[in-house]
Amino acid sequence: MDTPSLEKIVIAALEDIKARDIEVIDTSTHTPLFDRIIIASAESGRQTRALAQNVHDKVKEAGGEIIGTEGQDTGEWVLVDLGNIVVHVMQPAVRAHYKLEELWRTPPAGRRSAAH
């Protein structure tokens, strides 16, 4: 499945269960591993798990491939790997702590190495 089609399915699946602050970040110029990350917030562990499961189910129904899912035990941060897209569903405190948006928006050449 192409990335734009997969992205639409993921966004719709997240919106179905009222995910908040959905962000799509094009990572194709940062890494060859995947083209996009999609980050969304959920209010509870239960909602986080439900959002991740809905993404899984909707992508599968559309004929897409699920590479893996991580983090469903705690529900604070659930990652759904779809190959071209990696979906992060996070509770607000976890999202604020890790700041994935900032990490992926900074071009690799603009990052400082730990040695400096």
PDB file of N, CA and C in Angstrom:
ATOM      1  N   MET A   1       0.853  -1.185   0.000  1.00  0.00           N
ATOM      2  CA  MET A   1       0.000   0.000   0.000  1.00  0.00           C
ATOM      3  C   MET A   1       0.893   1.240   0.000  1.00  0.00           C
ATOM      4  N   ASP A   2       0.524   2.231  -0.789  1.00  0.00           N
ATOM      5  CA  ASP A   2       1.350   3.432  -0.849  1.00  0.00           C
ATOM      6  C   ASP A   2       1.174   4.281   0.413  1.00  0.00           C
ATOM      7  N   THR A   3       2.172   5.116   0.667  1.00  0.00           N
ATOM      8  CA  THR A   3       2.208   5.903   1.901  1.00  0.00           C
ATOM      9  C   THR A   3       1.014   6.855   2.044  1.00  0.00           C
ATOM     10  N   PRO A   4       0.625   7.615   1.008  1.00  0.00           N
ATOM     11  CA  PRO A   4      -0.526   8.515   1.178  1.00  0.00           C
ATOM     12  C   PRO A   4      -1.829   7.774   1.533  1.00  0.00           C
ATOM     13  N   SER A   5      -2.063   6.626   0.921  1.00  0.00           N
ATOM     14  CA  SER A   5      -3.272   5.848   1.233  1.00  0.00           C
ATOM     15  C   SER A   5      -3.225   5.333   2.668  1.00  0.00           C
ATOM     16  N   LEU A   6      -2.072   4.825   3.062  1.00  0.00           N
ATOM     17  CA  LEU A   6      -1.903   4.318   4.419  1.00  0.00           C
ATOM     18  C   LEU A   6      -2.086   5.435   5.438  1.00  0.00           C
ATOM     19  N   GLU A   7      -1.535   6.606   5.138  1.00  0.00           N
ATOM     20  CA  GLU A   7      -1.665   7.764   6.025  1.00  0.00           C
ATOM     21  C   GLU A   7      -3.140   8.124   6.243  1.00  0.00           C
ATOM     22  N   LYS A   8      -3.932   8.133   5.182  1.00  0.00           N
ATOM     23  CA  LYS A   8      -5.363   8.453   5.300  1.00  0.00           C
ATOM     24  C   LYS A   8      -6.085   7.452   6.192  1.00  0.00           C
ATOM     25  N   ILE A   9      -5.759   6.185   6.041  1.00  0.00           N
ATOM     26  CA  ILE A   9      -6.394   5.138   6.857  1.00  0.00           C
ATOM     27  C   ILE A   9      -6.041   5.339   8.327  1.00  0.00           C
ATOM     28  N   VAL A  10      -4.776   5.613   8.601  1.00  0.00           N
ATOM     29  CA  VAL A  10      -4.329   5.802   9.992  1.00  0.00           C
ATOM     30  C   VAL A  10      -5.015   7.013  10.616  1.00  0.00           C
ATOM     31  N   ILE A  11      -5.042   8.128   9.895  1.00  0.00           N
ATOM     32  CA  ILE A  11      -5.673   9.349  10.422  1.00  0.00           C
ATOM     33  C   ILE A  11      -7.151   9.085  10.733  1.00  0.00           C
ATOM     34  N   ALA A  12      -7.848   8.446   9.817  1.00  0.00           N
ATOM     35  CA  ALA A  12      -9.267   8.143  10.030  1.00  0.00           C
ATOM     36  C   ALA A  12      -9.454   7.232  11.241  1.00  0.00           C
ATOM     37  N   ALA A  13      -8.591   6.237  11.385  1.00  0.00           N
ATOM     38  CA  ALA A  13      -8.694   5.311  12.524  1.00  0.00           C
ATOM     39  C   ALA A  13      -8.466   6.044  13.843  1.00  0.00           C
ATOM     40  N   LEU A  14      -7.533   6.977  13.860  1.00  0.00           N
ATOM     41  CA  LEU A  14      -7.274   7.760  15.069  1.00  0.00           C
ATOM     42  C   LEU A  14      -8.440   8.701  15.374  1.00  0.00           C
ATOM     43  N   GLU A  15      -8.978   9.326  14.339  1.00  0.00           N
ATOM     44  CA  GLU A  15     -10.100  10.238  14.541  1.00  0.00           C
ATOM     45  C   GLU A  15     -11.354   9.505  15.004  1.00  0.00           C
ATOM     46  N   ASP A  16     -11.528   8.254  14.577  1.00  0.00           N
ATOM     47  CA  ASP A  16     -12.688   7.443  14.994  1.00  0.00           C
ATOM     48  C   ASP A  16     -12.823   7.358  16.510  1.00  0.00           C
ATOM     49  N   ILE A  17     -11.692   7.299  17.183  1.00  0.00           N
ATOM     50  CA  ILE A  17     -11.711   7.098  18.637  1.00  0.00           C
ATOM     51  C   ILE A  17     -11.217   8.359  19.354  1.00  0.00           C
ATOM     52  N   LYS A  18     -11.355   9.479  18.699  1.00  0.00           N
ATOM     53  CA  LYS A  18     -11.124  10.798  19.306  1.00  0.00           C
ATOM     54  C   LYS A  18      -9.697  11.025  19.794  1.00  0.00           C
ATOM     55  N   ALA A  19      -8.708  10.632  19.000  1.00  0.00           N
ATOM     56  CA  ALA A  19      -7.322  10.967  19.330  1.00  0.00           C
ATOM     57  C   ALA A  19      -7.178  12.484  19.292  1.00  0.00           C
ATOM     58  N   ARG A  20      -6.291  13.005  20.098  1.00  0.00           N
ATOM     59  CA  ARG A  20      -6.057  14.452  20.136  1.00  0.00           C
ATOM     60  C   ARG A  20      -4.697  14.778  19.540  1.00  0.00           C
ATOM     61  N   ASP A  21      -4.565  15.989  19.049  1.00  0.00           N
ATOM     62  CA  ASP A  21      -3.282  16.530  18.594  1.00  0.00           C
ATOM     63  C   ASP A  21      -2.545  15.585  17.637  1.00  0.00           C
ATOM     64  N   ILE A  22      -3.242  15.167  16.603  1.00  0.00           N
ATOM     65  CA  ILE A  22      -2.635  14.264  15.620  1.00  0.00           C
ATOM     66  C   ILE A  22      -1.658  15.068  14.763  1.00  0.00           C
ATOM     67  N   GLU A  23      -0.432  14.577  14.677  1.00  0.00           N
ATOM     68  CA  GLU A  23       0.597  15.226  13.853  1.00  0.00           C
ATOM     69  C   GLU A  23       1.218  14.210  12.918  1.00  0.00           C
ATOM     70  N   VAL A  24       1.404  14.624  11.673  1.00  0.00           N
ATOM     71  CA  VAL A  24       2.066  13.793  10.670  1.00  0.00           C
ATOM     72  C   VAL A  24       3.389  14.474  10.333  1.00  0.00           C
ATOM     73  N   ILE A  25       4.474  13.731  10.438  1.00  0.00           N
ATOM     74  CA  ILE A  25       5.797  14.280  10.146  1.00  0.00           C
ATOM     75  C   ILE A  25       6.441  13.449   9.041  1.00  0.00           C
ATOM     76  N   ASP A  26       6.836  14.129   7.980  1.00  0.00           N
ATOM     77  CA  ASP A  26       7.518  13.479   6.863  1.00  0.00           C
ATOM     78  C   ASP A  26       8.968  13.232   7.282  1.00  0.00           C
ATOM     79  N   THR A  27       9.346  11.980   7.375  1.00  0.00           N
ATOM     80  CA  THR A  27      10.700  11.617   7.798  1.00  0.00           C
ATOM     81  C   THR A  27      11.535  11.065   6.641  1.00  0.00           C
ATOM     82  N   SER A  28      11.007  11.144   5.437  1.00  0.00           N
ATOM     83  CA  SER A  28      11.671  10.531   4.292  1.00  0.00           C
ATOM     84  C   SER A  28      13.053  11.119   4.012  1.00  0.00           C
ATOM     85  N   THR A  29      13.289  12.365   4.415  1.00  0.00           N
ATOM     86  CA  THR A  29      14.610  12.957   4.202  1.00  0.00           C
ATOM     87  C   THR A  29      15.550  12.722   5.388  1.00  0.00           C
ATOM     88  N   HIS A  30      15.010  12.169   6.485  1.00  0.00           N
ATOM     89  CA  HIS A  30      15.814  11.928   7.693  1.00  0.00           C
ATOM     90  C   HIS A  30      16.307  10.488   7.823  1.00  0.00           C
ATOM     91  N   THR A  31      15.531   9.545   7.287  1.00  0.00           N
ATOM     92  CA  THR A  31      15.861   8.129   7.460  1.00  0.00           C
ATOM     93  C   THR A  31      15.292   7.319   6.299  1.00  0.00           C
ATOM     94  N   PRO A  32      15.988   6.283   5.899  1.00  0.00           N
ATOM     95  CA  PRO A  32      15.445   5.403   4.856  1.00  0.00           C
ATOM     96  C   PRO A  32      14.512   4.323   5.432  1.00  0.00           C
ATOM     97  N   LEU A  33      14.344   4.297   6.739  1.00  0.00           N
ATOM     98  CA  LEU A  33      13.581   3.231   7.389  1.00  0.00           C
ATOM     99  C   LEU A  33      12.074   3.364   7.225  1.00  0.00           C
ATOM    100  N   PHE A  34      11.572   4.604   7.205  1.00  0.00           N
ATOM    101  CA  PHE A  34      10.139   4.846   7.047  1.00  0.00           C
ATOM    102  C   PHE A  34       9.936   6.255   6.523  1.00  0.00           C
ATOM    103  N   ASP A  35       8.738   6.491   5.953  1.00  0.00           N
ATOM    104  CA  ASP A  35       8.446   7.778   5.315  1.00  0.00           C
ATOM    105  C   ASP A  35       7.760   8.789   6.227  1.00  0.00           C
ATOM    106  N   ARG A  36       6.993   8.307   7.189  1.00  0.00           N
ATOM    107  CA  ARG A  36       6.234   9.208   8.060  1.00  0.00           C
ATOM    108  C   ARG A  36       6.201   8.641   9.480  1.00  0.00           C
ATOM    109  N   ILE A  37       6.070   9.575  10.426  1.00  0.00           N
ATOM    110  CA  ILE A  37       5.615   9.174  11.745  1.00  0.00           C
ATOM    111  C   ILE A  37       4.337   9.961  11.991  1.00  0.00           C
ATOM    112  N   ILE A  38       3.426   9.293  12.652  1.00  0.00           N
ATOM    113  CA  ILE A  38       2.178   9.930  13.048  1.00  0.00           C
ATOM    114  C   ILE A  38       2.102   9.821  14.554  1.00  0.00           C
ATOM    115  N   ILE A  39       1.927  10.960  15.200  1.00  0.00           N
ATOM    116  CA  ILE A  39       1.878  11.026  16.657  1.00  0.00           C
ATOM    117  C   ILE A  39       0.496  11.514  17.060  1.00  0.00           C
ATOM    118  N   ALA A  40      -0.081  10.848  18.055  1.00  0.00           N
ATOM    119  CA  ALA A  40      -1.393  11.251  18.557  1.00  0.00           C
ATOM    120  C   ALA A  40      -1.418  11.094  20.070  1.00  0.00           C
ATOM    121  N   SER A  41      -2.257  11.879  20.722  1.00  0.00           N
ATOM    122  CA  SER A  41      -2.406  11.798  22.174  1.00  0.00           C
ATOM    123  C   SER A  41      -3.714  11.126  22.547  1.00  0.00           C
ATOM    124  N   ALA A  42      -3.685  10.455  23.695  1.00  0.00           N
ATOM    125  CA  ALA A  42      -4.860   9.799  24.262  1.00  0.00           C
ATOM    126  C   ALA A  42      -4.912  10.134  25.746  1.00  0.00           C
ATOM    127  N   GLU A  43      -6.105  10.149  26.295  1.00  0.00           N
ATOM    128  CA  GLU A  43      -6.294  10.575  27.681  1.00  0.00           C
ATOM    129  C   GLU A  43      -6.012   9.508  28.732  1.00  0.00           C
ATOM    130  N   SER A  44      -5.997   8.250  28.327  1.00  0.00           N
ATOM    131  CA  SER A  44      -5.811   7.175  29.302  1.00  0.00           C
ATOM    132  C   SER A  44      -5.132   5.992  28.625  1.00  0.00           C
ATOM    133  N   GLY A  45      -4.665   5.069  29.451  1.00  0.00           N
ATOM    134  CA  GLY A  45      -4.089   3.844  28.912  1.00  0.00           C
ATOM    135  C   GLY A  45      -5.100   3.064  28.101  1.00  0.00           C
ATOM    136  N   ARG A  46      -6.312   3.075  28.547  1.00  0.00           N
ATOM    137  CA  ARG A  46      -7.374   2.365  27.823  1.00  0.00           C
ATOM    138  C   ARG A  46      -7.591   2.970  26.434  1.00  0.00           C
ATOM    139  N   GLN A  47      -7.637   4.308  26.351  1.00  0.00           N
ATOM    140  CA  GLN A  47      -7.827   4.951  25.059  1.00  0.00           C
ATOM    141  C   GLN A  47      -6.595   4.761  24.172  1.00  0.00           C
ATOM    142  N   THR A  48      -5.417   4.818  24.752  1.00  0.00           N
ATOM    143  CA  THR A  48      -4.185   4.614  23.984  1.00  0.00           C
ATOM    144  C   THR A  48      -4.204   3.240  23.319  1.00  0.00           C
ATOM    145  N   ARG A  49      -4.529   2.222  24.089  1.00  0.00           N
ATOM    146  CA  ARG A  49      -4.598   0.860  23.551  1.00  0.00           C
ATOM    147  C   ARG A  49      -5.706   0.730  22.507  1.00  0.00           C
ATOM    148  N   ALA A  50      -6.844   1.372  22.754  1.00  0.00           N
ATOM    149  CA  ALA A  50      -7.961   1.302  21.807  1.00  0.00           C
ATOM    150  C   ALA A  50      -7.599   1.978  20.484  1.00  0.00           C
ATOM    151  N   LEU A  51      -6.920   3.110  20.549  1.00  0.00           N
ATOM    152  CA  LEU A  51      -6.496   3.805  19.330  1.00  0.00           C
ATOM    153  C   LEU A  51      -5.522   2.951  18.521  1.00  0.00           C
ATOM    154  N   ALA A  52      -4.544   2.378  19.201  1.00  0.00           N
ATOM    155  CA  ALA A  52      -3.564   1.525  18.518  1.00  0.00           C
ATOM    156  C   ALA A  52      -4.247   0.310  17.899  1.00  0.00           C
ATOM    157  N   GLN A  53      -5.182  -0.271  18.619  1.00  0.00           N
ATOM    158  CA  GLN A  53      -5.899  -1.435  18.096  1.00  0.00           C
ATOM    159  C   GLN A  53      -6.756  -1.062  16.893  1.00  0.00           C
ATOM    160  N   ASN A  54      -7.375   0.114  16.930  1.00  0.00           N
ATOM    161  CA  ASN A  54      -8.191   0.560  15.806  1.00  0.00           C
ATOM    162  C   ASN A  54      -7.329   0.806  14.567  1.00  0.00           C
ATOM    163  N   VAL A  55      -6.154   1.401  14.760  1.00  0.00           N
ATOM    164  CA  VAL A  55      -5.219   1.586  13.644  1.00  0.00           C
ATOM    165  C   VAL A  55      -4.861   0.217  13.072  1.00  0.00           C
ATOM    166  N   HIS A  56      -4.511  -0.706  13.934  1.00  0.00           N
ATOM    167  CA  HIS A  56      -4.156  -2.073  13.517  1.00  0.00           C
ATOM    168  C   HIS A  56      -5.290  -2.686  12.701  1.00  0.00           C
ATOM    169  N   ASP A  57      -6.498  -2.628  13.234  1.00  0.00           N
ATOM    170  CA  ASP A  57      -7.650  -3.264  12.581  1.00  0.00           C
ATOM    171  C   ASP A  57      -7.980  -2.631  11.236  1.00  0.00           C
ATOM    172  N   LYS A  58      -7.987  -1.305  11.178  1.00  0.00           N
ATOM    173  CA  LYS A  58      -8.352  -0.604   9.931  1.00  0.00           C
ATOM    174  C   LYS A  58      -7.307  -0.820   8.839  1.00  0.00           C
ATOM    175  N   VAL A  59      -6.047  -0.827   9.208  1.00  0.00           N
ATOM    176  CA  VAL A  59      -4.990  -1.072   8.220  1.00  0.00           C
ATOM    177  C   VAL A  59      -5.090  -2.500   7.709  1.00  0.00           C
ATOM    178  N   LYS A  60      -5.316  -3.434   8.607  1.00  0.00           N
ATOM    179  CA  LYS A  60      -5.449  -4.850   8.223  1.00  0.00           C
ATOM    180  C   LYS A  60      -6.651  -5.040   7.293  1.00  0.00           C
ATOM    181  N   GLU A  61      -7.788  -4.410   7.640  1.00  0.00           N
ATOM    182  CA  GLU A  61      -8.996  -4.500   6.806  1.00  0.00           C
ATOM    183  C   GLU A  61      -8.756  -3.967   5.394  1.00  0.00           C
ATOM    184  N   ALA A  62      -7.892  -2.959   5.283  1.00  0.00           N
ATOM    185  CA  ALA A  62      -7.602  -2.352   3.983  1.00  0.00           C
ATOM    186  C   ALA A  62      -6.525  -3.125   3.214  1.00  0.00           C
ATOM    187  N   GLY A  63      -6.045  -4.199   3.804  1.00  0.00           N
ATOM    188  CA  GLY A  63      -5.043  -5.020   3.126  1.00  0.00           C
ATOM    189  C   GLY A  63      -3.612  -4.614   3.411  1.00  0.00           C
ATOM    190  N   GLY A  64      -3.410  -3.710   4.380  1.00  0.00           N
ATOM    191  CA  GLY A  64      -2.065  -3.272   4.747  1.00  0.00           C
ATOM    192  C   GLY A  64      -1.389  -4.263   5.675  1.00  0.00           C
ATOM    193  N   GLU A  65      -0.094  -4.103   5.813  1.00  0.00           N
ATOM    194  CA  GLU A  65       0.696  -5.004   6.651  1.00  0.00           C
ATOM    195  C   GLU A  65       1.038  -4.341   7.982  1.00  0.00           C
ATOM    196  N   ILE A  66       0.912  -5.105   9.053  1.00  0.00           N
ATOM    197  CA  ILE A  66       1.303  -4.651  10.381  1.00  0.00           C
ATOM    198  C   ILE A  66       2.628  -5.338  10.696  1.00  0.00           C
ATOM    199  N   ILE A  67       3.696  -4.564  10.861  1.00  0.00           N
ATOM    200  CA  ILE A  67       5.000  -5.136  11.178  1.00  0.00           C
ATOM    201  C   ILE A  67       5.044  -5.540  12.647  1.00  0.00           C
ATOM    202  N   GLY A  68       4.508  -4.689  13.519  1.00  0.00           N
ATOM    203  CA  GLY A  68       4.512  -4.999  14.941  1.00  0.00           C
ATOM    204  C   GLY A  68       3.856  -3.911  15.760  1.00  0.00           C
ATOM    205  N   THR A  69       3.577  -4.259  17.003  1.00  0.00           N
ATOM    206  CA  THR A  69       2.988  -3.323  17.961  1.00  0.00           C
ATOM    207  C   THR A  69       3.739  -3.482  19.278  1.00  0.00           C
ATOM    208  N   GLU A  70       4.063  -2.374  19.901  1.00  0.00           N
ATOM    209  CA  GLU A  70       4.782  -2.383  21.177  1.00  0.00           C
ATOM    210  C   GLU A  70       4.120  -1.446  22.173  1.00  0.00           C
ATOM    211  N   GLY A  71       4.164  -1.798  23.453  1.00  0.00           N
ATOM    212  CA  GLY A  71       3.729  -0.897  24.514  1.00  0.00           C
ATOM    213  C   GLY A  71       2.309  -1.074  24.992  1.00  0.00           C
ATOM    214  N   GLN A  72       1.618  -2.097  24.529  1.00  0.00           N
ATOM    215  CA  GLN A  72       0.221  -2.260  24.939  1.00  0.00           C
ATOM    216  C   GLN A  72       0.071  -2.688  26.397  1.00  0.00           C
ATOM    217  N   ASP A  73       1.122  -3.188  27.002  1.00  0.00           N
ATOM    218  CA  ASP A  73       1.032  -3.601  28.407  1.00  0.00           C
ATOM    219  C   ASP A  73       0.701  -2.428  29.320  1.00  0.00           C
ATOM    220  N   THR A  74       1.450  -1.334  29.183  1.00  0.00           N
ATOM    221  CA  THR A  74       1.211  -0.181  30.055  1.00  0.00           C
ATOM    222  C   THR A  74       0.216   0.797  29.462  1.00  0.00           C
ATOM    223  N   GLY A  75       0.228   0.947  28.146  1.00  0.00           N
ATOM    224  CA  GLY A  75      -0.689   1.876  27.492  1.00  0.00           C
ATOM    225  C   GLY A  75      -0.282   3.329  27.584  1.00  0.00           C
ATOM    226  N   GLU A  76       0.902   3.605  28.126  1.00  0.00           N
ATOM    227  CA  GLU A  76       1.357   4.995  28.181  1.00  0.00           C
ATOM    228  C   GLU A  76       1.838   5.469  26.815  1.00  0.00           C
ATOM    229  N   TRP A  77       2.458   4.557  26.059  1.00  0.00           N
ATOM    230  CA  TRP A  77       2.988   4.863  24.732  1.00  0.00           C
ATOM    231  C   TRP A  77       2.898   3.575  23.935  1.00  0.00           C
ATOM    232  N   VAL A  78       2.041   3.574  22.930  1.00  0.00           N
ATOM    233  CA  VAL A  78       1.893   2.396  22.078  1.00  0.00           C
ATOM    234  C   VAL A  78       2.379   2.759  20.679  1.00  0.00           C
ATOM    235  N   LEU A  79       3.264   1.934  20.155  1.00  0.00           N
ATOM    236  CA  LEU A  79       3.832   2.134  18.838  1.00  0.00           C
ATOM    237  C   LEU A  79       3.268   1.074  17.903  1.00  0.00           C
ATOM    238  N   VAL A  80       2.811   1.502  16.730  1.00  0.00           N
ATOM    239  CA  VAL A  80       2.330   0.577  15.708  1.00  0.00           C
ATOM    240  C   VAL A  80       3.210   0.781  14.477  1.00  0.00           C
ATOM    241  N   ASP A  81       3.965  -0.242  14.120  1.00  0.00           N
ATOM    242  CA  ASP A  81       4.875  -0.189  12.977  1.00  0.00           C
ATOM    243  C   ASP A  81       4.156  -0.729  11.748  1.00  0.00           C
ATOM    244  N   LEU A  82       3.965   0.144  10.761  1.00  0.00           N
ATOM    245  CA  LEU A  82       3.270  -0.225   9.534  1.00  0.00           C
ATOM    246  C   LEU A  82       4.224  -0.252   8.337  1.00  0.00           C
ATOM    247  N   GLY A  83       5.508  -0.266   8.604  1.00  0.00           N
ATOM    248  CA  GLY A  83       6.490  -0.249   7.520  1.00  0.00           C
ATOM    249  C   GLY A  83       6.798   1.169   7.091  1.00  0.00           C
ATOM    250  N   ASN A  84       6.033   1.711   6.154  1.00  0.00           N
ATOM    251  CA  ASN A  84       6.246   3.077   5.666  1.00  0.00           C
ATOM    252  C   ASN A  84       5.905   4.134   6.709  1.00  0.00           C
ATOM    253  N   ILE A  85       5.041   3.772   7.643  1.00  0.00           N
ATOM    254  CA  ILE A  85       4.581   4.707   8.668  1.00  0.00           C
ATOM    255  C   ILE A  85       4.725   4.059  10.034  1.00  0.00           C
ATOM    256  N   VAL A  86       5.219   4.840  10.997  1.00  0.00           N
ATOM    257  CA  VAL A  86       5.271   4.395  12.386  1.00  0.00           C
ATOM    258  C   VAL A  86       4.335   5.309  13.170  1.00  0.00           C
ATOM    259  N   VAL A  87       3.380   4.699  13.857  1.00  0.00           N
ATOM    260  CA  VAL A  87       2.365   5.442  14.610  1.00  0.00           C
ATOM    261  C   VAL A  87       2.722   5.384  16.095  1.00  0.00           C
ATOM    262  N   HIS A  88       2.737   6.560  16.735  1.00  0.00           N
ATOM    263  CA  HIS A  88       2.990   6.662  18.174  1.00  0.00           C
ATOM    264  C   HIS A  88       1.729   7.209  18.816  1.00  0.00           C
ATOM    265  N   VAL A  89       1.110   6.442  19.690  1.00  0.00           N
ATOM    266  CA  VAL A  89      -0.048   6.914  20.444  1.00  0.00           C
ATOM    267  C   VAL A  89       0.423   7.041  21.886  1.00  0.00           C
ATOM    268  N   MET A  90       0.358   8.270  22.400  1.00  0.00           N
ATOM    269  CA  MET A  90       0.978   8.557  23.687  1.00  0.00           C
ATOM    270  C   MET A  90       0.029   9.324  24.609  1.00  0.00           C
ATOM    271  N   GLN A  91       0.209   9.096  25.908  1.00  0.00           N
ATOM    272  CA  GLN A  91      -0.473   9.941  26.873  1.00  0.00           C
ATOM    273  C   GLN A  91       0.267  11.276  26.922  1.00  0.00           C
ATOM    274  N   PRO A  92      -0.432  12.367  27.232  1.00  0.00           N
ATOM    275  CA  PRO A  92       0.169  13.706  27.145  1.00  0.00           C
ATOM    276  C   PRO A  92       1.482  13.880  27.924  1.00  0.00           C
ATOM    277  N   ALA A  93       1.600  13.340  29.114  1.00  0.00           N
ATOM    278  CA  ALA A  93       2.832  13.510  29.899  1.00  0.00           C
ATOM    279  C   ALA A  93       4.018  12.825  29.222  1.00  0.00           C
ATOM    280  N   VAL A  94       3.783  11.675  28.655  1.00  0.00           N
ATOM    281  CA  VAL A  94       4.845  10.940  27.954  1.00  0.00           C
ATOM    282  C   VAL A  94       5.233  11.692  26.688  1.00  0.00           C
ATOM    283  N   ARG A  95       4.243  12.182  25.985  1.00  0.00           N
ATOM    284  CA  ARG A  95       4.510  12.931  24.748  1.00  0.00           C
ATOM    285  C   ARG A  95       5.308  14.193  25.042  1.00  0.00           C
ATOM    286  N   ALA A  96       4.951  14.893  26.100  1.00  0.00           N
ATOM    287  CA  ALA A  96       5.663  16.116  26.471  1.00  0.00           C
ATOM    288  C   ALA A  96       7.099  15.801  26.890  1.00  0.00           C
ATOM    289  N   HIS A  97       7.309  14.679  27.530  1.00  0.00           N
ATOM    290  CA  HIS A  97       8.647  14.301  27.986  1.00  0.00           C
ATOM    291  C   HIS A  97       9.583  13.957  26.826  1.00  0.00           C
ATOM    292  N   TYR A  98       9.112  13.135  25.894  1.00  0.00           N
ATOM    293  CA  TYR A  98       9.980  12.658  24.811  1.00  0.00           C
ATOM    294  C   TYR A  98      10.086  13.611  23.624  1.00  0.00           C
ATOM    295  N   LYS A  99       9.105  14.468  23.420  1.00  0.00           N
ATOM    296  CA  LYS A  99       9.153  15.504  22.380  1.00  0.00           C
ATOM    297  C   LYS A  99       9.569  14.968  21.010  1.00  0.00           C
ATOM    298  N   LEU A 100       8.914  13.923  20.553  1.00  0.00           N
ATOM    299  CA  LEU A 100       9.262  13.320  19.263  1.00  0.00           C
ATOM    300  C   LEU A 100       9.126  14.301  18.107  1.00  0.00           C
ATOM    301  N   GLU A 101       8.160  15.197  18.206  1.00  0.00           N
ATOM    302  CA  GLU A 101       7.980  16.184  17.135  1.00  0.00           C
ATOM    303  C   GLU A 101       9.252  17.011  16.947  1.00  0.00           C
ATOM    304  N   GLU A 102       9.839  17.453  18.036  1.00  0.00           N
ATOM    305  CA  GLU A 102      11.068  18.251  17.949  1.00  0.00           C
ATOM    306  C   GLU A 102      12.218  17.422  17.384  1.00  0.00           C
ATOM    307  N   LEU A 103      12.326  16.199  17.819  1.00  0.00           N
ATOM    308  CA  LEU A 103      13.400  15.316  17.362  1.00  0.00           C
ATOM    309  C   LEU A 103      13.343  15.105  15.854  1.00  0.00           C
ATOM    310  N   TRP A 104      12.162  14.816  15.330  1.00  0.00           N
ATOM    311  CA  TRP A 104      12.036  14.489  13.915  1.00  0.00           C
ATOM    312  C   TRP A 104      11.946  15.697  13.008  1.00  0.00           C
ATOM    313  N   ARG A 105      11.680  16.860  13.541  1.00  0.00           N
ATOM    314  CA  ARG A 105      11.632  18.064  12.703  1.00  0.00           C
ATOM    315  C   ARG A 105      13.005  18.696  12.528  1.00  0.00           C
ATOM    316  N   THR A 106      13.966  18.326  13.362  1.00  0.00           N
ATOM    317  CA  THR A 106      15.311  18.871  13.253  1.00  0.00           C
ATOM    318  C   THR A 106      16.086  18.057  12.235  1.00  0.00           C
ATOM    319  N   PRO A 107      16.565  18.685  11.162  1.00  0.00           N
ATOM    320  CA  PRO A 107      17.332  17.937  10.156  1.00  0.00           C
ATOM    321  C   PRO A 107      18.589  17.330  10.774  1.00  0.00           C
ATOM    322  N   PRO A 108      18.987  16.142  10.349  1.00  0.00           N
ATOM    323  CA  PRO A 108      20.154  15.483  10.927  1.00  0.00           C
ATOM    324  C   PRO A 108      21.408  16.369  10.927  1.00  0.00           C
ATOM    325  N   ALA A 109      21.660  17.156   9.905  1.00  0.00           N
ATOM    326  CA  ALA A 109      22.842  18.000   9.861  1.00  0.00           C
ATOM    327  C   ALA A 109      22.798  19.091  10.921  1.00  0.00           C
ATOM    328  N   GLY A 110      21.595  19.462  11.376  1.00  0.00           N
ATOM    329  CA  GLY A 110      21.448  20.510  12.371  1.00  0.00           C
ATOM    330  C   GLY A 110      21.548  20.023  13.803  1.00  0.00           C
ATOM    331  N   ARG A 111      21.604  18.718  13.975  1.00  0.00           N
ATOM    332  CA  ARG A 111      21.725  18.155  15.333  1.00  0.00           C
ATOM    333  C   ARG A 111      23.163  18.187  15.776  1.00  0.00           C
ATOM    334  N   ARG A 112      23.370  18.392  17.046  1.00  0.00           N
ATOM    335  CA  ARG A 112      24.716  18.355  17.598  1.00  0.00           C
ATOM    336  C   ARG A 112      25.013  16.943  18.089  1.00  0.00           C
ATOM    337  N   SER A 113      26.222  16.517  17.935  1.00  0.00           N
ATOM    338  CA  SER A 113      26.587  15.194  18.426  1.00  0.00           C
ATOM    339  C   SER A 113      26.846  15.283  19.923  1.00  0.00           C
ATOM    340  N   ALA A 114      26.805  14.160  20.592  1.00  0.00           N
ATOM    341  CA  ALA A 114      27.012  14.103  22.033  1.00  0.00           C
ATOM    342  C   ALA A 114      28.428  14.486  22.412  1.00  0.00           C
ATOM    343  N   ALA A 115      29.379  14.417  21.498  1.00  0.00           N
ATOM    344  CA  ALA A 115      30.780  14.731  21.774  1.00  0.00           C
ATOM    345  C   ALA A 115      31.039  16.236  21.929  1.00  0.00           C
ATOM    346  N   HIS A 116      30.110  17.085  21.479  1.00  0.00           N
ATOM    347  CA  HIS A 116      30.342  18.535  21.519  1.00  0.00           C
ATOM    348  C   HIS A 116      29.990  19.120  22.834  1.00  0.00           C
TER     349      HIS A 116
END
